[in-house]
Amino acid sequence: MKILFISWFPPSPRFSGSGLRTFNTLRALATCGRVTLFTPVHERHRPLLADCEPWCKEVVAPDILSLRTSLWPIDQRTRWDKYWDTIRTLEPLALRYYDFAEFSRMVRNLSGETPDLIWVYSSWLTGYLPHLDWQRVVVDFDALFFRAMRRAMQHTPWYGSKILFENIESWKQELFDRRLCRRAAQVLVCSEDDRRILGYENVRVLPNSVDLPSKPPFEKVEDPHRLVFIGKMDYEPNIDAALYFCKSILPHIRNVEARAHVYIVGREPSDEIRALHTGTDVFVTGAVSDVTPYFNTAGIVIAPIRFGGGTRIKILEAFAHRKAVVSTTTGCEGLAVHDGVHLHRADTPREFAAKCLALMTDASLRRALGRAGRELVESHYSQDVFQRTVRRCVSDLVSSP
């Protein structure tokens, strides 16, 4: 079987949580047929292609900068430019980032025969590919972008353009996504919540997955006063979460337990994140070659996420490492978790601090949460579960008339 896999970033676990999802998808697709990967990349991400190449027959990776339109850099446009750009078209914002004609031409000119299956990661990417044979297309939405946009609005300052700009853009994105659901053969999301919101029969859940470490960490390595937050640190929900924790939650914890400290682990930290580093109570590591030592030494893994979409791979990774987790409701949204069984949930700074302090002083509770989280990953979020779902998607599409 000939498979074309299209992603807007390199499918690599070193990229982000989304990178891990696409990498797992690539590995699963490679068991079903010969995969050609098309992925525009920034030069600084080109080394990540080494993770993809063993699973592909061919990798086509044009420079992403050659495809960008005059909208980039988007934040340097004037407010009036943004207003005009919003009202002049029904296309959602994501579809105005790249050179439509050039992107489409590159995909059309890929070498080889017509693919039997086309797998596209991210709904908006299909807007550059109007020539697709939709009866052979699977679109992995992962998260619902329009839902994440609306949630982000709740955590940014209110100003007049929100009514004209953010609300209209999220409405256009939802309109596009729903129209896409009616065209594509199959649509995938990462949670049952997102499937219910879309509500179409061809939408199914492909839950995120993580690898399972074979051995539990030695207890003597764990520091009960160490909190760890892991994620890609130029991603806006992660930036907000780290700032929220360090400024609003950590002071409450340290007022009671002065030994408490947090490690913020992840590649490409923004200037705001770098500025949090103190070397005493807050440590910002930047990119690390392996996150396992940070999981092993963590007493508690935190997910103080206040907006965004999808399901948090950082929580699944913590579960896989048998770690106690404290999360906001948004942070663990879409996962089959129960408060007090798999993790602790808290949505105010004082409540979040209290949950962390309780875990710092109770090793048996940390172990109980860690065991329950590990069992949940083994039953619902393992690679076996993920690969079976991908193969079933492929089989259903190929066998359909």
Protein backbone atom coordinates (compact mmCIF):
# COMPACT_ATOMS: atom_id res chain seq x y z
CA MET A 1 0.00 0.00 0.00
CA LYS A 2 1.24 3.51 -0.90
CA ILE A 3 0.65 6.07 1.86
CA LEU A 4 1.19 9.83 1.72
CA PHE A 5 1.61 11.38 5.18
CA ILE A 6 1.41 15.20 5.32
CA SER A 7 2.40 17.07 8.47
CA TRP A 8 3.25 20.74 9.02
CA PHE A 9 6.22 19.85 11.26
CA PRO A 10 8.65 16.90 11.47
CA PRO A 11 7.02 13.89 13.20
CA SER A 12 9.51 13.61 16.02
CA PRO A 13 9.14 13.02 19.76
CA ARG A 14 11.83 15.67 20.19
CA PHE A 15 9.57 18.37 18.71
CA SER A 16 6.61 18.48 21.13
CA GLY A 17 3.63 16.47 22.34
CA SER A 18 2.13 16.83 18.88
CA GLY A 19 5.45 15.65 17.48
CA LEU A 20 5.16 12.48 19.55
CA ARG A 21 1.62 11.89 18.28
CA THR A 22 2.66 12.27 14.65
CA PHE A 23 5.77 10.12 15.21
CA ASN A 24 3.61 7.34 16.69
CA THR A 25 1.28 7.69 13.71
CA LEU A 26 4.19 7.43 11.28
CA ARG A 27 5.46 4.27 12.98
CA ALA A 28 1.99 2.72 12.84
CA LEU A 29 1.47 3.65 9.17
CA ALA A 30 4.85 2.13 8.29
CA THR A 31 3.46 -1.26 9.36
CA CYS A 32 0.61 -0.83 6.84
CA GLY A 33 2.52 0.21 3.72
CA ARG A 34 5.23 2.35 2.11
CA VAL A 35 5.11 5.90 3.47
CA THR A 36 6.07 9.12 1.71
CA LEU A 37 6.34 11.98 4.21
CA PHE A 38 5.76 15.58 3.15
CA THR A 39 6.65 18.07 5.90
CA PRO A 40 7.74 21.70 5.51
CA VAL A 41 10.46 22.42 8.08
CA HIS A 42 12.36 25.32 9.56
CA GLU A 43 16.12 24.90 9.25
CA ARG A 44 16.55 24.62 13.02
CA HIS A 45 14.18 21.62 13.00
CA ARG A 46 15.79 19.82 10.06
CA PRO A 47 17.89 17.51 12.33
CA LEU A 48 14.58 16.08 13.62
CA LEU A 49 14.02 14.45 10.23
CA ALA A 50 16.51 11.77 11.28
CA ASP A 51 13.77 10.40 13.57
CA CYS A 52 11.38 10.05 10.60
CA GLU A 53 13.61 8.63 7.88
CA PRO A 54 13.82 5.00 9.12
CA TRP A 55 10.02 4.73 8.78
CA CYS A 56 9.66 6.31 5.33
CA LYS A 57 10.26 5.30 1.75
CA GLU A 58 10.76 9.01 0.91
CA VAL A 59 10.93 12.26 2.89
CA VAL A 60 10.16 15.57 1.17
CA ALA A 61 10.94 18.53 3.44
CA PRO A 62 10.91 21.98 1.79
CA ASP A 63 12.01 25.05 3.71
CA ILE A 64 8.93 26.38 5.48
CA LEU A 65 10.09 29.98 5.09
CA SER A 66 9.75 29.68 1.32
CA LEU A 67 6.01 29.07 1.77
CA ARG A 68 5.16 31.88 4.16
CA THR A 69 2.98 34.78 3.03
CA SER A 70 3.14 38.46 3.89
CA LEU A 71 1.19 37.71 7.08
CA TRP A 72 4.47 36.62 8.68
CA PRO A 73 5.54 37.76 11.17
CA ILE A 74 1.88 38.07 12.11
CA ASP A 75 2.39 39.94 15.39
CA GLN A 76 4.07 42.86 13.62
CA ARG A 77 0.96 43.77 11.65
CA THR A 78 -0.99 46.84 12.77
CA ARG A 79 -4.35 46.35 14.44
CA TRP A 80 -6.10 47.82 11.39
CA ASP A 81 -4.29 45.34 9.13
CA LYS A 82 -5.60 42.53 11.34
CA TYR A 83 -9.14 43.93 11.19
CA TRP A 84 -9.08 44.12 7.41
CA ASP A 85 -7.53 40.69 7.05
CA THR A 86 -10.24 39.22 9.29
CA ILE A 87 -13.26 40.64 7.48
CA ARG A 88 -12.06 40.33 3.89
CA THR A 89 -12.33 36.52 3.66
CA LEU A 90 -14.06 33.48 5.15
CA GLU A 91 -10.77 31.59 5.26
CA PRO A 92 -9.59 30.93 8.83
CA LEU A 93 -6.37 32.56 9.94
CA ALA A 94 -4.29 29.37 9.71
CA LEU A 95 -5.05 29.11 5.98
CA ARG A 96 -3.54 32.52 5.32
CA TYR A 97 -0.08 31.67 6.69
CA TYR A 98 1.41 29.98 3.63
CA ASP A 99 1.60 30.34 -0.12
CA PHE A 100 -1.42 28.31 -1.17
CA ALA A 101 -0.42 27.73 -4.78
CA GLU A 102 3.18 26.73 -4.02
CA PHE A 103 2.19 24.36 -1.21
CA SER A 104 -0.37 22.63 -3.42
CA ARG A 105 2.11 22.45 -6.35
CA MET A 106 4.74 20.75 -4.19
CA VAL A 107 2.34 18.04 -3.07
CA ARG A 108 1.07 17.49 -6.61
CA ASN A 109 4.62 17.05 -7.89
CA LEU A 110 5.62 14.36 -5.42
CA SER A 111 7.23 11.46 -7.22
CA GLY A 112 5.62 8.05 -7.43
CA GLU A 113 2.19 6.65 -8.13
CA THR A 114 -1.10 7.90 -6.76
CA PRO A 115 -1.28 7.03 -3.05
CA ASP A 116 -3.87 4.57 -1.79
CA LEU A 117 -4.20 6.55 1.44
CA ILE A 118 -3.54 10.18 2.35
CA TRP A 119 -3.09 10.93 6.04
CA VAL A 120 -3.06 14.65 6.97
CA TYR A 121 -2.13 15.98 10.38
CA SER A 122 -4.08 19.15 11.34
CA SER A 123 -7.36 20.16 9.80
CA TRP A 124 -6.22 23.54 8.47
CA LEU A 125 -3.50 21.93 6.35
CA THR A 126 -6.16 20.45 4.06
CA GLY A 127 -7.07 23.98 3.01
CA TYR A 128 -3.89 24.01 0.91
CA LEU A 129 -4.80 20.72 -0.75
CA PRO A 130 -8.09 21.15 -2.66
CA HIS A 131 -7.08 18.55 -5.25
CA LEU A 132 -7.22 15.63 -2.79
CA ASP A 133 -9.38 12.61 -3.46
CA TRP A 134 -11.40 12.94 -0.26
CA GLN A 135 -12.56 9.32 -0.27
CA ARG A 136 -8.95 8.32 0.49
CA VAL A 137 -8.20 11.03 3.09
CA VAL A 138 -7.85 10.65 6.84
CA VAL A 139 -7.50 13.93 8.74
CA ASP A 140 -6.10 13.91 12.26
CA PHE A 141 -7.46 17.02 13.95
CA ASP A 142 -5.69 16.03 17.20
CA ALA A 143 -7.21 18.98 19.10
CA LEU A 144 -10.07 21.25 18.05
CA PHE A 145 -8.32 24.50 17.22
CA PHE A 146 -11.48 26.61 17.38
CA ARG A 147 -12.17 25.34 20.88
CA ALA A 148 -8.62 26.16 21.99
CA MET A 149 -8.92 29.67 20.49
CA ARG A 150 -12.06 30.42 22.50
CA ARG A 151 -10.53 29.15 25.70
CA ALA A 152 -7.40 31.25 25.18
CA MET A 153 -9.57 34.36 24.92
CA GLN A 154 -10.54 33.91 28.58
CA HIS A 155 -6.93 34.37 29.68
CA THR A 156 -5.88 37.40 27.64
CA PRO A 157 -6.83 41.06 28.28
CA TRP A 158 -10.16 42.23 26.97
CA TYR A 159 -10.07 44.88 24.28
CA GLY A 160 -12.42 45.97 21.51
CA SER A 161 -10.86 43.94 18.73
CA LYS A 162 -11.70 40.67 20.49
CA ILE A 163 -15.27 40.89 19.23
CA LEU A 164 -14.13 41.56 15.68
CA PHE A 165 -10.91 39.54 15.57
CA GLU A 166 -10.76 36.50 17.89
CA ASN A 167 -14.47 35.69 17.87
CA ILE A 168 -14.76 35.89 14.10
CA GLU A 169 -11.55 33.91 13.56
CA SER A 170 -12.69 31.10 15.88
CA TRP A 171 -16.08 31.03 14.15
CA LYS A 172 -14.39 30.76 10.73
CA GLN A 173 -12.16 27.94 12.00
CA GLU A 174 -15.15 25.99 13.30
CA LEU A 175 -17.00 26.51 10.02
CA PHE A 176 -13.98 25.19 8.12
CA ASP A 177 -13.54 22.18 10.42
CA ARG A 178 -17.18 21.15 10.20
CA ARG A 179 -17.17 21.46 6.42
CA LEU A 180 -14.04 19.28 6.36
CA CYS A 181 -15.75 16.61 8.47
CA ARG A 182 -18.41 16.29 5.77
CA ARG A 183 -15.75 15.82 3.05
CA ALA A 184 -13.03 13.58 4.47
CA ALA A 185 -13.42 9.81 4.64
CA GLN A 186 -12.34 9.76 8.30
CA VAL A 187 -11.62 12.38 10.93
CA LEU A 188 -9.61 11.65 14.10
CA VAL A 189 -9.58 13.47 17.42
CA CYS A 190 -7.76 12.63 20.64
CA SER A 191 -10.67 12.61 23.07
CA GLU A 192 -14.30 11.59 23.38
CA ASP A 193 -15.16 15.18 24.36
CA ASP A 194 -13.94 16.48 21.00
CA ARG A 195 -15.76 13.68 19.14
CA ARG A 196 -19.04 14.67 20.79
CA ILE A 197 -18.52 18.35 19.95
CA LEU A 198 -18.05 17.57 16.24
CA GLY A 199 -20.81 14.97 16.24
CA TYR A 200 -20.28 13.39 12.80
CA GLU A 201 -20.41 9.64 12.18
CA ASN A 202 -17.00 9.55 10.47
CA VAL A 203 -15.23 11.04 13.53
CA ARG A 204 -13.42 8.57 15.76
CA VAL A 205 -11.09 8.83 18.74
CA LEU A 206 -7.38 8.12 18.34
CA PRO A 207 -6.11 8.56 21.91
CA ASN A 208 -2.60 9.79 22.49
CA SER A 209 -0.03 7.22 23.54
CA VAL A 210 3.35 7.01 25.23
CA ASP A 211 6.09 4.42 25.60
CA LEU A 212 6.15 2.55 28.89
CA PRO A 213 9.44 2.60 30.84
CA SER A 214 10.26 -0.98 31.77
CA LYS A 215 11.60 -0.30 35.26
CA PRO A 216 10.24 1.98 38.00
CA PRO A 217 12.68 4.61 39.33
CA PHE A 218 14.48 3.94 42.59
CA GLU A 219 12.60 5.65 45.41
CA LYS A 220 15.82 7.03 46.85
CA VAL A 221 16.27 9.11 43.68
CA GLU A 222 12.94 10.89 44.17
CA ASP A 223 12.93 14.29 45.85
CA PRO A 224 9.45 14.82 47.41
CA HIS A 225 9.92 18.60 47.30
CA ARG A 226 10.71 18.70 43.59
CA LEU A 227 7.94 19.71 41.20
CA VAL A 228 8.47 19.23 37.49
CA PHE A 229 6.66 20.81 34.53
CA ILE A 230 7.56 19.43 31.10
CA GLY A 231 6.57 20.80 27.69
CA LYS A 232 7.60 22.83 24.66
CA MET A 233 8.27 26.20 26.20
CA ASP A 234 7.50 28.49 23.28
CA TYR A 235 3.93 27.13 23.16
CA GLU A 236 1.52 29.73 24.53
CA PRO A 237 -0.51 27.43 26.86
CA ASN A 238 2.74 26.13 28.38
CA ILE A 239 4.13 29.65 28.78
CA ASP A 240 0.95 30.73 30.55
CA ALA A 241 1.00 27.60 32.75
CA ALA A 242 4.60 28.13 33.87
CA LEU A 243 4.04 31.82 34.62
CA TYR A 244 0.79 31.05 36.45
CA PHE A 245 2.45 28.39 38.60
CA CYS A 246 5.57 30.36 39.47
CA LYS A 247 3.79 33.64 40.20
CA SER A 248 0.48 32.51 41.71
CA ILE A 249 0.97 28.99 43.15
CA LEU A 250 4.62 28.45 44.09
CA PRO A 251 4.67 31.31 46.66
CA HIS A 252 1.84 29.60 48.59
CA ILE A 253 3.80 26.34 48.60
CA ARG A 254 7.06 27.92 49.74
CA ASN A 255 5.33 29.82 52.54
CA VAL A 256 4.73 26.38 54.08
CA GLU A 257 7.64 24.33 52.67
CA ALA A 258 10.80 26.31 51.92
CA ARG A 259 12.47 23.30 50.30
CA ALA A 260 9.91 23.21 47.49
CA HIS A 261 11.29 23.99 44.04
CA VAL A 262 10.21 23.54 40.44
CA TYR A 263 12.03 22.41 37.30
CA ILE A 264 10.64 23.77 34.01
CA VAL A 265 11.89 21.36 31.37
CA GLY A 266 11.46 21.84 27.63
CA ARG A 267 12.97 23.09 24.42
CA GLU A 268 12.90 26.65 23.07
CA PRO A 269 11.90 28.50 26.27
CA SER A 270 10.61 31.99 25.59
CA ASP A 271 12.23 35.06 27.15
CA GLU A 272 9.44 35.14 29.74
CA ILE A 273 10.22 31.58 30.77
CA ARG A 274 13.98 32.14 30.90
CA ALA A 275 13.40 35.10 33.18
CA LEU A 276 11.77 32.79 35.76
CA HIS A 277 15.05 30.99 36.45
CA THR A 278 16.47 31.78 39.89
CA GLY A 279 18.72 28.79 40.51
CA THR A 280 17.15 28.30 43.95
CA ASP A 281 13.40 27.74 43.70
CA VAL A 282 12.89 27.85 39.91
CA PHE A 283 15.13 26.05 37.41
CA VAL A 284 14.64 26.46 33.63
CA THR A 285 16.58 23.77 31.79
CA GLY A 286 15.87 24.45 28.13
CA ALA A 287 16.21 21.49 25.77
CA VAL A 288 17.35 18.21 27.33
CA SER A 289 18.41 15.02 25.58
CA ASP A 290 16.30 12.81 27.86
CA VAL A 291 13.44 13.77 30.19
CA THR A 292 13.60 10.46 32.09
CA PRO A 293 16.00 11.69 34.82
CA TYR A 294 13.65 14.62 35.50
CA PHE A 295 10.67 12.28 35.87
CA ASN A 296 12.70 9.97 38.10
CA THR A 297 13.73 12.72 40.53
CA ALA A 298 10.34 14.47 40.57
CA GLY A 299 8.20 14.14 43.65
CA ILE A 300 5.25 15.62 41.77
CA VAL A 301 4.60 16.36 38.09
CA ILE A 302 2.42 19.42 37.57
CA ALA A 303 0.11 20.45 34.71
CA PRO A 304 -1.22 23.93 35.61
CA ILE A 305 -2.71 24.37 32.13
CA ARG A 306 -5.46 26.99 31.78
CA PHE A 307 -6.15 26.84 28.04
CA GLY A 308 -5.30 24.89 24.91
CA GLY A 309 -6.78 21.78 23.36
CA GLY A 310 -6.35 18.04 23.02
CA THR A 311 -5.05 15.76 25.75
CA ARG A 312 -1.81 16.36 27.62
CA ILE A 313 0.90 13.91 26.69
CA LYS A 314 2.94 15.33 29.57
CA ILE A 315 0.41 13.78 31.99
CA LEU A 316 0.47 10.43 30.21
CA GLU A 317 4.28 10.42 30.35
CA ALA A 318 4.15 11.14 34.08
CA PHE A 319 1.69 8.26 34.53
CA ALA A 320 3.97 5.97 32.54
CA HIS A 321 6.78 6.85 34.95
CA ARG A 322 4.48 6.12 37.94
CA LYS A 323 4.49 9.73 39.08
CA ALA A 324 1.93 11.61 41.16
CA VAL A 325 0.32 14.43 39.16
CA VAL A 326 -1.47 17.64 40.13
CA SER A 327 -3.39 19.21 37.27
CA THR A 328 -6.04 21.78 36.50
CA THR A 329 -9.33 20.52 35.08
CA THR A 330 -8.29 21.86 31.67
CA GLY A 331 -4.92 20.15 31.96
CA CYS A 332 -6.40 16.67 32.28
CA GLU A 333 -9.42 17.28 30.05
CA GLY A 334 -10.26 14.41 27.73
CA LEU A 335 -8.31 11.81 29.72
CA ALA A 336 -10.12 8.93 31.43
CA VAL A 337 -8.99 10.06 34.88
CA HIS A 338 -10.73 10.32 38.24
CA ASP A 339 -9.76 12.95 40.78
CA GLY A 340 -8.10 11.37 43.79
CA VAL A 341 -7.57 8.07 41.98
CA HIS A 342 -5.21 8.82 39.09
CA LEU A 343 -4.22 12.39 39.96
CA HIS A 344 -5.19 15.41 42.04
CA ARG A 345 -7.19 18.16 40.35
CA ALA A 346 -7.16 21.81 41.44
CA ASP A 347 -8.30 25.01 39.72
CA THR A 348 -7.34 27.82 42.12
CA PRO A 349 -3.83 28.78 43.24
CA ARG A 350 -4.46 27.97 46.91
CA GLU A 351 -6.12 24.65 46.11
CA PHE A 352 -3.32 23.69 43.72
CA ALA A 353 -0.71 24.57 46.36
CA ALA A 354 -2.57 22.57 49.01
CA LYS A 355 -2.68 19.46 46.79
CA CYS A 356 1.06 19.70 46.14
CA LEU A 357 1.85 20.17 49.83
CA ALA A 358 -0.27 17.15 50.78
CA LEU A 359 1.64 14.96 48.31
CA MET A 360 5.03 16.23 49.48
CA THR A 361 4.37 14.82 52.95
CA ASP A 362 2.67 11.55 51.95
CA ALA A 363 4.87 9.08 50.06
CA SER A 364 2.21 6.34 50.16
CA LEU A 365 -0.29 8.64 48.44
CA ARG A 366 2.27 9.53 45.76
CA ARG A 367 2.90 5.82 45.13
CA ALA A 368 -0.85 5.04 44.98
CA LEU A 369 -1.48 7.75 42.39
CA GLY A 370 1.57 6.61 40.43
CA ARG A 371 0.39 3.00 40.31
CA ALA A 372 -3.14 3.96 39.23
CA GLY A 373 -1.79 6.26 36.53
CA ARG A 374 0.51 3.57 35.17
CA GLU A 375 -2.35 1.06 35.02
CA LEU A 376 -4.48 3.60 33.13
CA VAL A 377 -1.76 4.15 30.52
CA GLU A 378 -1.29 0.40 30.06
CA SER A 379 -5.01 -0.13 29.44
CA HIS A 380 -5.94 3.01 27.47
CA TYR A 381 -2.89 4.92 26.20
CA SER A 382 -0.21 2.40 25.27
CA GLN A 383 1.47 2.07 21.90
CA ASP A 384 -0.41 -1.19 21.31
CA VAL A 385 -3.76 0.59 21.69
CA PHE A 386 -2.62 3.42 19.41
CA GLN A 387 -1.26 1.16 16.67
CA ARG A 388 -4.37 -1.03 16.66
CA THR A 389 -6.55 2.06 16.19
CA VAL A 390 -4.42 3.37 13.31
CA ARG A 391 -4.44 -0.02 11.57
CA ARG A 392 -8.21 -0.24 12.00
CA CYS A 393 -8.61 3.21 10.40
CA VAL A 394 -6.49 2.13 7.45
CA SER A 395 -8.32 -1.17 7.08
CA ASP A 396 -11.76 0.46 7.21
CA LEU A 397 -10.84 3.04 4.59
CA VAL A 398 -9.19 0.59 2.19
CA SER A 399 -12.04 -1.92 2.44
CA SER A 400 -14.79 0.69 1.95
CA PRO A 401 -16.36 0.80 -1.53
